[in-house]
Protein backbone atom coordinates (compact mmCIF):
# COMPACT_ATOMS: atom_id res chain seq x y z
CA MET A 1 -90.75 -13.13 90.73
CA ALA A 2 -94.32 -11.88 90.95
CA LEU A 3 -96.68 -10.52 88.38
CA ILE A 4 -98.09 -7.08 89.06
CA LYS A 5 -100.47 -4.85 87.14
CA CYS A 6 -99.00 -1.99 85.14
CA PRO A 7 -100.35 1.27 86.60
CA GLU A 8 -100.71 2.72 83.10
CA CYS A 9 -102.25 -0.04 80.90
CA ARG A 10 -103.28 -2.58 83.61
CA LYS A 11 -101.51 -5.51 81.86
CA SER A 12 -99.62 -8.18 83.85
CA VAL A 13 -95.92 -7.37 84.14
CA SER A 14 -93.05 -8.88 86.11
CA ASP A 15 -92.11 -6.90 89.22
CA ARG A 16 -88.45 -7.15 88.15
CA ALA A 17 -89.06 -5.59 84.74
CA ALA A 18 -87.62 -2.14 84.16
CA ALA A 19 -90.61 -1.05 82.07
CA CYS A 20 -93.94 -2.41 80.87
CA PRO A 21 -93.44 -4.26 77.55
CA GLU A 22 -96.86 -3.07 76.39
CA CYS A 23 -96.82 0.67 77.07
CA GLY A 24 -93.25 1.36 78.27
CA TYR A 25 -94.25 2.70 81.69
CA PRO A 26 -91.31 2.40 84.17
CA ILE A 27 -92.28 -0.46 86.49
CA THR A 28 -89.37 -0.53 88.96
CA ILE A 29 -89.98 3.11 89.94
CA ALA A 30 -93.75 2.61 90.22
CA HIS A 31 -93.26 -0.57 92.24
CA ALA A 32 -90.87 1.17 94.66
CA LYS A 33 -93.35 4.03 95.25
CA LYS A 34 -96.10 1.76 96.57
CA PRO A 35 -97.51 3.09 99.85
CA ASP A 36 -97.12 -0.28 101.59
CA ALA A 37 -93.47 -0.64 100.53
CA PRO A 38 -90.91 0.76 102.97
CA GLY A 39 -89.56 4.07 101.71
CA LEU A 40 -86.63 6.28 102.55
CA ASP A 41 -88.66 7.86 105.36
CA ASP A 42 -88.31 4.62 107.35
CA VAL A 43 -84.49 4.60 107.22
CA GLN A 44 -82.77 5.26 110.53
CA THR A 45 -79.09 6.23 110.72
CA VAL A 46 -77.10 4.65 113.51
CA GLU A 47 -73.71 6.00 114.58
CA GLN A 48 -71.12 3.26 114.38
CA THR A 49 -68.12 4.70 116.17
CA SER A 50 -65.74 2.05 117.44
CA LYS A 51 -65.33 1.49 121.15
CA ARG A 52 -61.60 2.11 120.84
CA LEU A 53 -62.17 5.66 119.55
CA LYS A 54 -64.69 6.32 122.30
CA LEU A 55 -62.18 5.08 124.89
CA ILE A 56 -59.48 7.38 123.49
CA THR A 57 -61.92 10.30 123.78
CA LEU A 58 -62.56 9.46 127.43
CA VAL A 59 -58.82 9.18 128.16
CA ALA A 60 -58.22 12.57 126.50
CA MET A 61 -60.97 14.19 128.56
CA PHE A 62 -59.52 12.62 131.72
CA LEU A 63 -56.07 14.02 130.86
CA MET A 64 -57.53 17.48 130.32
CA LEU A 65 -59.47 17.34 133.59
CA VAL A 66 -56.50 16.14 135.65
CA GLY A 67 -54.24 18.71 133.98
CA LEU A 68 -56.67 21.50 134.79
CA LEU A 69 -57.03 20.31 138.38
CA ILE A 70 -53.25 20.19 138.83
CA THR A 71 -52.96 23.66 137.33
CA MET A 72 -55.63 25.08 139.62
CA GLN A 73 -54.20 23.37 142.69
CA GLY A 74 -50.73 24.77 142.02
CA CYS A 75 -48.75 22.46 144.28
CA PRO A 76 -46.44 19.74 142.97
CA SER A 77 -47.21 16.11 143.70
CA ALA A 78 -44.74 13.78 145.45
CA MET A 79 -43.74 12.21 142.14
CA GLU A 80 -43.08 15.62 140.59
CA ALA A 81 -41.03 16.74 143.59
CA ASP A 82 -38.85 13.61 143.37
CA ALA A 83 -38.28 14.12 139.66
CA GLY A 84 -37.49 17.78 140.11
CA ILE A 85 -40.32 18.86 137.84
CA GLU A 86 -42.00 22.12 138.65
CA GLY A 87 -45.69 21.56 139.40
CA SER A 88 -46.86 24.64 137.54
CA ARG A 89 -45.69 23.19 134.22
CA VAL A 90 -47.09 19.67 134.49
CA GLY A 91 -50.76 20.66 134.69
CA PRO A 92 -50.91 22.89 131.61
CA VAL A 93 -48.80 20.44 129.58
CA MET A 94 -51.09 17.57 130.59
CA ALA A 95 -54.21 19.59 129.72
CA PHE A 96 -52.71 20.63 126.38
CA ILE A 97 -51.76 17.05 125.46
CA GLY A 98 -55.26 15.90 126.43
CA LEU A 99 -56.77 18.63 124.26
CA LEU A 100 -54.59 17.65 121.29
CA ILE A 101 -55.50 13.97 121.65
CA TYR A 102 -59.18 14.93 121.92
CA ILE A 103 -59.12 17.07 118.77
CA VAL A 104 -57.20 14.49 116.73
CA ASN A 105 -59.53 11.74 117.91
CA LYS A 106 -62.65 13.73 117.01
CA ILE A 107 -61.23 14.24 113.51
CA ARG A 108 -60.57 10.49 113.28
CA ILE A 109 -64.14 9.74 114.37
CA TRP A 110 -65.46 12.12 111.72
CA TRP A 111 -63.13 10.69 109.05
CA TYR A 112 -63.79 6.99 109.73
CA HIS A 113 -67.48 7.32 110.56
CA LYS A 114 -69.45 4.62 108.75
């Protein structure tokens, strides 16, 4: 606890006092507005998105990219041929699932952002 001068009447007042006991001037507001005290202009916002959510975003983008590449290539892979899956359906489905995961994850990042 420190004693400061009241800006209004120049009497000694505690820096924790809400107002000057002599004149009633609000001290806590005047003390916070000092030029040497850090103000709200010095506050820096830092994004705190978890690494897990960032990893899910990367996986979703990878799924979309691979799905688009498979769609553009147009030929089925060896695994798809063995399973009897038509190659033209796998790419768009993969890209669509990646897009859905990406959108849901971006909403989760927005919702849980600290």
